[in-house]
Amino acid sequence: GRDRANPSGVILSSSMMLRHVGEREAGQRVEDALAAVLADGHDVTQDLRGPGDERSAVGTRRMAEAVAERLRGAR
């Protein structure tokens, strides 16, 4: 309930489940969206910030929303 947890594990698990049920393309899209958010580095939780990165970290919800936005093609 602190909005601090890194949601990557849950998001990757959903990607794996989609592949397991035969939705390979959807699973890949989820993984690609997460990879894009991580590569951008803007909307990530504190544990994903590198040493010396002075940008503000976001919470769990915002990072998950950033992945969803990538899935929708909003960014």
N, C-alpha and C. Protein backbone atom coordinates (compact mmCIF):
# COMPACT_ATOMS: atom_id res chain seq x y z
N GLY A 1 0.78 -1.19 0.00
CA GLY A 1 0.00 0.00 0.00
C GLY A 1 0.84 1.27 0.00
N ARG A 2 2.14 1.17 -0.18
CA ARG A 2 2.99 2.36 -0.15
C ARG A 2 3.31 2.91 -1.54
N ASP A 3 2.87 2.22 -2.58
CA ASP A 3 3.11 2.66 -3.95
C ASP A 3 4.61 2.78 -4.24
N ARG A 4 5.38 1.81 -3.79
CA ARG A 4 6.84 1.84 -3.99
C ARG A 4 7.37 0.60 -4.72
N ALA A 5 6.59 -0.46 -4.77
CA ALA A 5 7.08 -1.73 -5.31
C ALA A 5 7.28 -1.65 -6.83
N ASN A 6 8.31 -2.30 -7.29
CA ASN A 6 8.60 -2.41 -8.71
C ASN A 6 7.60 -3.41 -9.32
N PRO A 7 6.76 -2.98 -10.28
CA PRO A 7 5.75 -3.88 -10.85
C PRO A 7 6.26 -4.78 -11.98
N SER A 8 7.54 -4.73 -12.28
CA SER A 8 8.07 -5.48 -13.43
C SER A 8 7.81 -6.98 -13.34
N GLY A 9 7.97 -7.57 -12.17
CA GLY A 9 7.76 -9.01 -12.03
C GLY A 9 6.33 -9.42 -12.35
N VAL A 10 5.38 -8.67 -11.88
CA VAL A 10 3.97 -8.97 -12.14
C VAL A 10 3.66 -8.78 -13.62
N ILE A 11 4.22 -7.73 -14.20
CA ILE A 11 3.98 -7.46 -15.62
C ILE A 11 4.59 -8.56 -16.49
N LEU A 12 5.81 -8.98 -16.17
CA LEU A 12 6.43 -10.06 -16.94
C LEU A 12 5.70 -11.38 -16.74
N SER A 13 5.17 -11.61 -15.55
CA SER A 13 4.38 -12.82 -15.30
C SER A 13 3.13 -12.83 -16.17
N SER A 14 2.52 -11.67 -16.33
CA SER A 14 1.33 -11.60 -17.19
C SER A 14 1.70 -11.88 -18.64
N SER A 15 2.86 -11.41 -19.06
CA SER A 15 3.34 -11.69 -20.41
C SER A 15 3.53 -13.19 -20.62
N MET A 16 4.13 -13.83 -19.63
CA MET A 16 4.34 -15.28 -19.71
C MET A 16 3.02 -16.04 -19.73
N MET A 17 2.05 -15.59 -18.95
CA MET A 17 0.74 -16.24 -18.93
C MET A 17 0.04 -16.09 -20.28
N LEU A 18 0.14 -14.91 -20.86
CA LEU A 18 -0.46 -14.72 -22.18
C LEU A 18 0.15 -15.70 -23.19
N ARG A 19 1.44 -15.84 -23.16
CA ARG A 19 2.09 -16.79 -24.07
C ARG A 19 1.63 -18.23 -23.78
N HIS A 20 1.51 -18.55 -22.52
CA HIS A 20 1.09 -19.89 -22.12
C HIS A 20 -0.30 -20.24 -22.65
N VAL A 21 -1.19 -19.27 -22.70
CA VAL A 21 -2.55 -19.53 -23.19
C VAL A 21 -2.67 -19.31 -24.69
N GLY A 22 -1.53 -19.17 -25.36
CA GLY A 22 -1.54 -19.08 -26.82
C GLY A 22 -1.59 -17.68 -27.38
N GLU A 23 -1.53 -16.69 -26.53
CA GLU A 23 -1.56 -15.29 -26.97
C GLU A 23 -0.14 -14.75 -27.06
N ARG A 24 0.64 -15.36 -27.95
CA ARG A 24 2.06 -15.01 -28.04
C ARG A 24 2.30 -13.55 -28.43
N GLU A 25 1.54 -13.07 -29.40
CA GLU A 25 1.72 -11.68 -29.84
C GLU A 25 1.39 -10.70 -28.71
N ALA A 26 0.32 -10.95 -28.00
CA ALA A 26 -0.06 -10.07 -26.88
C ALA A 26 1.02 -10.11 -25.79
N GLY A 27 1.52 -11.29 -25.50
CA GLY A 27 2.58 -11.42 -24.51
C GLY A 27 3.82 -10.65 -24.91
N GLN A 28 4.16 -10.71 -26.18
CA GLN A 28 5.33 -9.98 -26.67
C GLN A 28 5.10 -8.48 -26.58
N ARG A 29 3.88 -8.04 -26.89
CA ARG A 29 3.57 -6.60 -26.80
C ARG A 29 3.73 -6.09 -25.37
N VAL A 30 3.28 -6.88 -24.40
CA VAL A 30 3.43 -6.49 -22.99
C VAL A 30 4.90 -6.39 -22.64
N GLU A 31 5.66 -7.38 -23.03
CA GLU A 31 7.10 -7.37 -22.73
C GLU A 31 7.80 -6.20 -23.41
N ASP A 32 7.44 -5.93 -24.66
CA ASP A 32 8.04 -4.80 -25.38
C ASP A 32 7.70 -3.47 -24.73
N ALA A 33 6.46 -3.34 -24.26
CA ALA A 33 6.05 -2.10 -23.60
C ALA A 33 6.85 -1.88 -22.31
N LEU A 34 7.02 -2.94 -21.54
CA LEU A 34 7.82 -2.83 -20.31
C LEU A 34 9.26 -2.48 -20.66
N ALA A 35 9.82 -3.13 -21.66
CA ALA A 35 11.20 -2.85 -22.06
C ALA A 35 11.37 -1.40 -22.49
N ALA A 36 10.37 -0.85 -23.17
CA ALA A 36 10.44 0.54 -23.60
C ALA A 36 10.43 1.50 -22.41
N VAL A 37 9.59 1.21 -21.42
CA VAL A 37 9.54 2.05 -20.22
C VAL A 37 10.87 1.97 -19.48
N LEU A 38 11.41 0.78 -19.36
CA LEU A 38 12.69 0.62 -18.67
C LEU A 38 13.81 1.33 -19.43
N ALA A 39 13.81 1.23 -20.74
CA ALA A 39 14.85 1.87 -21.55
C ALA A 39 14.76 3.39 -21.45
N ASP A 40 13.53 3.90 -21.43
CA ASP A 40 13.32 5.34 -21.30
C ASP A 40 13.82 5.83 -19.94
N GLY A 41 13.56 5.04 -18.90
CA GLY A 41 14.05 5.35 -17.57
C GLY A 41 13.36 6.48 -16.84
N HIS A 42 12.34 7.04 -17.44
CA HIS A 42 11.66 8.19 -16.80
C HIS A 42 10.64 7.75 -15.76
N ASP A 43 9.76 6.85 -16.13
CA ASP A 43 8.67 6.40 -15.24
C ASP A 43 9.01 5.06 -14.60
N VAL A 44 10.05 5.05 -13.80
CA VAL A 44 10.46 3.81 -13.12
C VAL A 44 10.56 4.04 -11.62
N THR A 45 10.44 2.95 -10.87
CA THR A 45 10.51 3.02 -9.42
C THR A 45 11.94 3.26 -8.96
N GLN A 46 12.08 3.64 -7.72
CA GLN A 46 13.38 4.03 -7.17
C GLN A 46 14.44 2.93 -7.31
N ASP A 47 14.06 1.68 -7.13
CA ASP A 47 15.04 0.60 -7.21
C ASP A 47 15.63 0.43 -8.60
N LEU A 48 15.00 1.01 -9.60
CA LEU A 48 15.51 0.92 -10.97
C LEU A 48 16.35 2.13 -11.36
N ARG A 49 16.48 3.07 -10.47
CA ARG A 49 17.32 4.25 -10.72
C ARG A 49 18.78 3.89 -10.46
N GLY A 50 19.64 4.38 -11.30
CA GLY A 50 21.06 4.14 -11.11
C GLY A 50 21.66 5.11 -10.10
N PRO A 51 22.82 4.79 -9.60
CA PRO A 51 23.51 5.71 -8.68
C PRO A 51 23.74 7.05 -9.37
N GLY A 52 23.46 8.10 -8.67
CA GLY A 52 23.67 9.43 -9.23
C GLY A 52 22.53 9.93 -10.09
N ASP A 53 21.51 9.12 -10.31
CA ASP A 53 20.35 9.56 -11.10
C ASP A 53 19.50 10.44 -10.20
N GLU A 54 19.47 11.71 -10.50
CA GLU A 54 18.82 12.67 -9.63
C GLU A 54 17.36 12.91 -9.98
N ARG A 55 16.85 12.26 -11.01
CA ARG A 55 15.43 12.42 -11.34
C ARG A 55 14.58 11.77 -10.26
N SER A 56 13.40 12.27 -10.09
CA SER A 56 12.48 11.70 -9.10
C SER A 56 11.96 10.36 -9.60
N ALA A 57 11.90 9.42 -8.70
CA ALA A 57 11.32 8.12 -9.03
C ALA A 57 9.81 8.23 -8.95
N VAL A 58 9.13 7.32 -9.62
CA VAL A 58 7.67 7.28 -9.57
C VAL A 58 7.24 6.08 -8.73
N GLY A 59 5.98 5.99 -8.46
CA GLY A 59 5.45 4.87 -7.69
C GLY A 59 5.04 3.71 -8.59
N THR A 60 4.60 2.66 -7.93
CA THR A 60 4.16 1.44 -8.62
C THR A 60 3.09 1.75 -9.65
N ARG A 61 2.09 2.49 -9.22
CA ARG A 61 0.95 2.79 -10.10
C ARG A 61 1.39 3.54 -11.34
N ARG A 62 2.22 4.56 -11.18
CA ARG A 62 2.64 5.36 -12.34
C ARG A 62 3.47 4.54 -13.31
N MET A 63 4.33 3.67 -12.79
CA MET A 63 5.12 2.83 -13.69
C MET A 63 4.22 1.89 -14.48
N ALA A 64 3.26 1.28 -13.80
CA ALA A 64 2.32 0.38 -14.48
C ALA A 64 1.49 1.15 -15.52
N GLU A 65 1.09 2.37 -15.19
CA GLU A 65 0.35 3.20 -16.14
C GLU A 65 1.21 3.52 -17.36
N ALA A 66 2.49 3.77 -17.16
CA ALA A 66 3.40 4.06 -18.28
C ALA A 66 3.49 2.85 -19.22
N VAL A 67 3.51 1.65 -18.66
CA VAL A 67 3.52 0.44 -19.49
C VAL A 67 2.21 0.34 -20.27
N ALA A 68 1.09 0.58 -19.59
CA ALA A 68 -0.22 0.53 -20.26
C ALA A 68 -0.29 1.57 -21.38
N GLU A 69 0.25 2.75 -21.15
CA GLU A 69 0.26 3.78 -22.19
C GLU A 69 1.05 3.32 -23.39
N ARG A 70 2.18 2.68 -23.15
CA ARG A 70 2.97 2.14 -24.26
C ARG A 70 2.18 1.09 -25.03
N LEU A 71 1.45 0.27 -24.32
CA LEU A 71 0.62 -0.76 -24.98
C LEU A 71 -0.43 -0.12 -25.88
N ARG A 72 -0.99 0.98 -25.41
CA ARG A 72 -2.01 1.68 -26.20
C ARG A 72 -1.41 2.53 -27.30
N GLY A 73 -0.09 2.67 -27.30
CA GLY A 73 0.57 3.48 -28.31
C GLY A 73 0.50 4.97 -28.04
N ALA A 74 0.23 5.33 -26.77
CA ALA A 74 0.08 6.73 -26.42
C ALA A 74 1.41 7.45 -26.32
N ARG A 75 2.52 6.69 -26.22
CA ARG A 75 3.83 7.32 -26.06
C ARG A 75 4.81 6.72 -27.01
